Protein backbone atom coordinates (compact mmCIF):
# COMPACT_ATOMS: atom_id res chain seq x y z
CA MET A 1 -8.16 -9.82 4.37
CA HIS A 2 -8.21 -8.28 0.91
CA ALA A 3 -7.25 -4.88 -0.46
CA ARG A 4 -8.32 -2.77 -3.39
CA LEU A 5 -6.35 0.05 -5.01
CA ASP A 6 -8.32 2.59 -7.03
CA ARG A 7 -5.92 4.83 -8.95
CA TYR A 8 -6.79 8.15 -10.54
CA HIS A 9 -4.55 10.15 -12.84
CA GLY A 10 -4.92 13.75 -13.92
CA GLN A 11 -6.23 14.71 -17.34
CA PRO A 12 -6.65 18.09 -19.04
CA GLY A 13 -8.97 20.17 -16.92
CA HIS A 14 -9.04 17.60 -14.12
CA GLY A 15 -5.78 17.38 -12.24
CA VAL A 16 -5.45 15.38 -9.04
CA ASP A 17 -5.80 18.66 -7.12
CA SER A 18 -9.26 19.18 -8.62
CA PRO A 19 -12.12 19.52 -6.12
CA ASP A 20 -13.63 16.47 -7.84
CA LEU A 21 -10.88 14.42 -6.20
CA ALA A 22 -10.94 16.22 -2.87
CA ASP A 23 -12.17 13.17 -0.98
CA LEU A 24 -11.86 9.77 -2.60
CA SER A 25 -13.37 8.15 0.49
CA ILE A 26 -16.84 9.52 -0.29
CA GLY A 27 -19.21 6.66 -1.02
CA VAL A 28 -17.13 3.93 0.59
CA ALA A 29 -18.33 4.44 4.18
CA GLY A 30 -20.98 1.93 5.12
CA GLN A 31 -20.08 -0.57 2.40
CA PRO A 32 -20.47 -4.15 3.71
CA GLY A 33 -17.18 -5.78 4.60
CA LEU A 34 -15.14 -2.57 4.73
CA LEU A 35 -12.37 -2.58 7.34
CA SER A 36 -10.57 0.69 6.59
CA CYS A 37 -9.89 3.25 3.89
CA LEU A 38 -6.83 5.39 3.18
CA THR A 39 -6.55 8.06 0.50
CA PHE A 40 -3.27 9.25 -1.02
CA ARG A 41 -1.92 12.03 -3.24
CA GLN A 42 1.38 11.32 -4.98
CA LEU A 43 4.25 13.67 -4.20
CA GLY A 44 5.62 15.08 -7.44
CA GLY A 45 3.43 12.84 -9.57
CA PRO A 46 -0.01 12.59 -11.21
CA ALA A 47 -1.68 9.94 -9.07
CA ALA A 48 -4.44 10.01 -6.50
CA VAL A 49 -5.04 6.64 -4.85
CA ARG A 50 -7.67 5.08 -2.61
CA LEU A 51 -6.60 2.00 -0.63
CA THR A 52 -9.45 0.07 0.96
CA LEU A 53 -9.18 -3.04 3.12
CA TRP A 54 -11.97 -5.65 3.13
CA ASP A 55 -13.01 -8.83 4.89
CA THR A 56 -13.43 -10.81 1.64
CA GLU A 57 -12.41 -10.65 -2.01
CA ALA A 58 -16.07 -10.38 -3.04
CA SER A 59 -16.54 -7.30 -0.87
CA ALA A 60 -13.45 -5.68 -2.38
CA ALA A 61 -14.49 -6.42 -5.95
CA GLY A 62 -18.07 -5.30 -5.42
CA CYS A 63 -17.34 -1.85 -4.05
CA PRO A 64 -18.07 0.98 -6.49
CA GLY A 65 -15.19 3.27 -7.42
CA PRO A 66 -15.12 6.83 -6.08
CA ASP A 67 -17.76 8.92 -7.86
CA ALA A 68 -15.32 11.55 -9.07
CA GLY A 69 -17.15 12.07 -12.34
CA LEU A 70 -14.00 12.28 -14.43
CA VAL A 71 -11.19 9.84 -15.12
CA PRO A 72 -12.19 6.15 -14.94
CA PRO A 73 -10.04 4.63 -12.21
CA VAL A 74 -7.69 1.71 -12.52
CA ALA A 75 -8.97 -0.71 -9.87
CA GLU A 76 -6.79 -3.58 -8.66
CA THR A 77 -7.74 -6.22 -6.07
CA TYR A 78 -5.20 -8.04 -3.91
CA GLU A 79 -4.93 -10.50 -1.06
CA VAL A 80 -3.23 -9.04 2.02
CA THR A 81 -0.63 -11.73 2.67
CA HIS A 82 1.20 -10.05 5.55
CA THR A 83 0.91 -7.06 7.87
CA GLU A 84 3.17 -5.59 10.54
CA ASP A 85 2.53 -2.88 13.11
CA GLY A 86 5.32 -0.38 13.68
CA LEU A 87 6.21 1.49 16.85
CA ALA A 88 3.90 4.33 15.71
CA ALA A 89 0.94 2.01 15.01
CA THR A 90 -1.38 4.10 17.19
CA GLN A 91 -0.56 7.30 15.29
CA VAL A 92 -2.20 8.59 12.13
CA PRO A 93 0.07 8.01 9.10
CA ALA A 94 1.05 11.10 7.13
CA TYR A 95 3.04 9.50 4.30
CA ALA A 96 3.08 6.22 2.40
CA ARG A 97 5.54 4.44 0.14
CA LEU A 98 4.11 2.06 -2.47
CA VAL A 99 6.70 -0.39 -3.83
CA CYS A 100 5.19 -2.08 -6.89
CA PHE A 101 6.26 -5.35 -8.53
CA ASP A 102 4.25 -5.92 -11.70
CA GLY A 103 2.97 -9.34 -12.70
CA PRO A 104 2.99 -11.93 -13.89
CA ARG A 105 5.68 -13.20 -11.58
CA ALA A 106 6.97 -16.68 -10.76
CA PRO A 107 6.14 -18.28 -7.39
CA GLU A 108 9.87 -18.47 -6.69
CA GLN A 109 10.12 -14.68 -6.94
CA THR A 110 7.32 -14.03 -4.48
CA ALA A 111 8.70 -16.65 -2.10
CA ALA A 112 12.09 -14.92 -2.21
CA GLU A 113 10.42 -11.56 -1.58
CA ASP A 114 8.58 -12.95 1.43
CA LEU A 115 11.73 -14.52 2.85
CA ALA A 116 13.63 -11.24 2.48
CA GLY A 117 10.82 -9.39 4.19
CA ARG A 118 10.72 -11.72 7.19
CA GLN A 119 14.43 -12.37 7.71
CA ARG A 120 16.08 -9.14 6.64
CA ILE A 121 13.87 -6.15 5.83
CA TRP A 122 11.42 -6.11 8.74
CA PRO A 123 14.14 -6.69 11.41
CA ALA A 124 16.06 -3.74 9.90
CA ILE A 125 13.20 -1.24 10.09
CA ARG A 126 10.91 -2.33 12.91
CA GLY A 127 12.72 -0.13 15.44
CA LEU A 128 12.02 3.13 13.58
CA SER A 129 9.96 5.39 15.84
CA GLY A 130 7.87 6.89 13.01
CA LEU A 131 6.89 3.61 11.35
CA VAL A 132 3.11 3.06 11.48
CA GLY A 133 2.89 -0.25 9.65
CA ILE A 134 3.32 -2.34 6.54
CA TYR A 135 0.90 -4.18 4.26
CA VAL A 136 2.00 -6.73 1.68
CA LEU A 137 -0.57 -6.99 -1.14
CA ARG A 138 -0.47 -9.93 -3.58
CA GLY A 139 -2.35 -10.09 -6.88
CA SER A 140 -3.73 -13.14 -8.66
CA ASP A 141 -0.81 -12.90 -11.13
CA LEU A 142 1.60 -12.73 -8.16
CA SER A 143 2.17 -9.02 -8.62
CA SER A 144 2.91 -7.28 -5.33
CA VAL A 145 2.46 -3.89 -3.74
CA ILE A 146 4.24 -3.25 -0.45
CA VAL A 147 2.63 -0.35 1.39
CA THR A 148 4.71 1.31 4.11
CA LEU A 149 2.92 3.88 6.29
CA ALA A 150 4.86 6.42 8.34
CA THR A 151 4.45 9.66 10.23
CA SER A 152 7.06 11.49 8.12
CA VAL A 153 9.01 11.37 4.87
CA GLU A 154 12.15 11.18 7.00
CA THR A 155 10.98 7.86 8.40
CA LEU A 156 10.45 6.49 4.89
CA ASP A 157 13.95 7.67 3.93
CA ALA A 158 15.42 6.10 7.07
CA ALA A 159 13.69 2.82 6.26
CA GLN A 160 15.12 2.82 2.75
CA ARG A 161 18.63 3.49 4.05
CA ALA A 162 18.28 0.73 6.63
CA VAL A 163 17.19 -1.80 4.02
CA MET A 164 19.95 -0.82 1.59
CA ALA A 165 22.51 -1.35 4.37
CA THR A 166 21.46 -4.95 5.00
CA GLU A 167 23.25 -8.02 3.70
CA LEU A 168 21.56 -11.09 2.26
CA THR A 169 20.67 -13.71 4.87
CA PRO A 170 21.20 -17.48 4.46
CA GLY A 171 18.75 -18.90 1.95
CA GLU A 172 18.32 -15.72 -0.09
CA ASP A 173 19.05 -15.98 -3.82
CA PRO A 174 19.94 -12.60 -5.37
CA ALA A 175 18.89 -13.88 -8.79
CA LEU A 176 15.28 -13.99 -7.56
CA LEU A 177 15.34 -10.52 -5.98
CA SER A 178 14.63 -8.21 -8.88
CA GLY A 179 14.09 -4.55 -8.13
CA PRO A 180 10.62 -3.03 -8.08
CA ASP A 181 8.96 -1.71 -11.22
CA ARG A 182 7.86 1.49 -9.45
CA VAL A 183 8.32 3.25 -6.13
CA GLU A 184 5.77 5.93 -5.28
CA ILE A 185 5.76 8.35 -2.34
CA HIS A 186 2.36 9.67 -1.32
CA HIS A 187 0.91 12.10 1.18
CA VAL A 188 -1.87 10.45 3.18
CA THR A 189 -4.88 12.73 2.68
CA GLY A 190 -7.46 10.82 4.68
CA ARG A 191 -8.18 7.76 6.79
CA HIS A 192 -11.50 6.14 7.59
CA LEU A 193 -11.88 3.19 9.96
CA ALA A 194 -15.13 1.29 9.57
CA ALA A 195 -14.96 -0.19 13.06
CA ALA A 196 -12.48 -1.32 15.67
CA SER A 197 -11.01 -4.55 14.36
CA THR A 198 -7.90 -6.67 14.56
CA THR A 199 -6.02 -8.23 11.68
CA GLY A 200 -3.78 -11.24 11.68
CA HIS A 201 -0.10 -10.90 10.99
């Protein structure tokens, strides 16, 4: 599975609350290979984001950007290397946290990130009742975006507290665990599912 992030930022006369950006999912429905689409508005920030999930990299790269008629989007394509369903997986997510690690990054860094996710982070948060799910997106330069979906901001805050309270597990090297370059909190403004499908974890 592959993912694409189309990012829009406000400009004079065209903020992210403009009607032009009312529905970033317009135009994506019916595209071949589409699995699902989520649209976000950043809380306290300038970004509007469309996250689409695809069956192949070619499908993700070939999809046209939202026809907003204003700011050219920044489009980024990733491989979805890991997913997890939370206890609220059947509920519609209301908020999302995007934790971004910019590339290029060394393979050792991404391996350490994956180990931490499996051994320490996911066990610490999987019991949260408002957690919908997690997607780990990996770029060709080994950049990463970790998308956490939840039913409330409180769940995202609880997840952060739980992770910060953990201790390193055997095999983790703190020298390889650099902090993220950005952490964004978004309101989920829309969700479109192309069809009932299952994804591997």
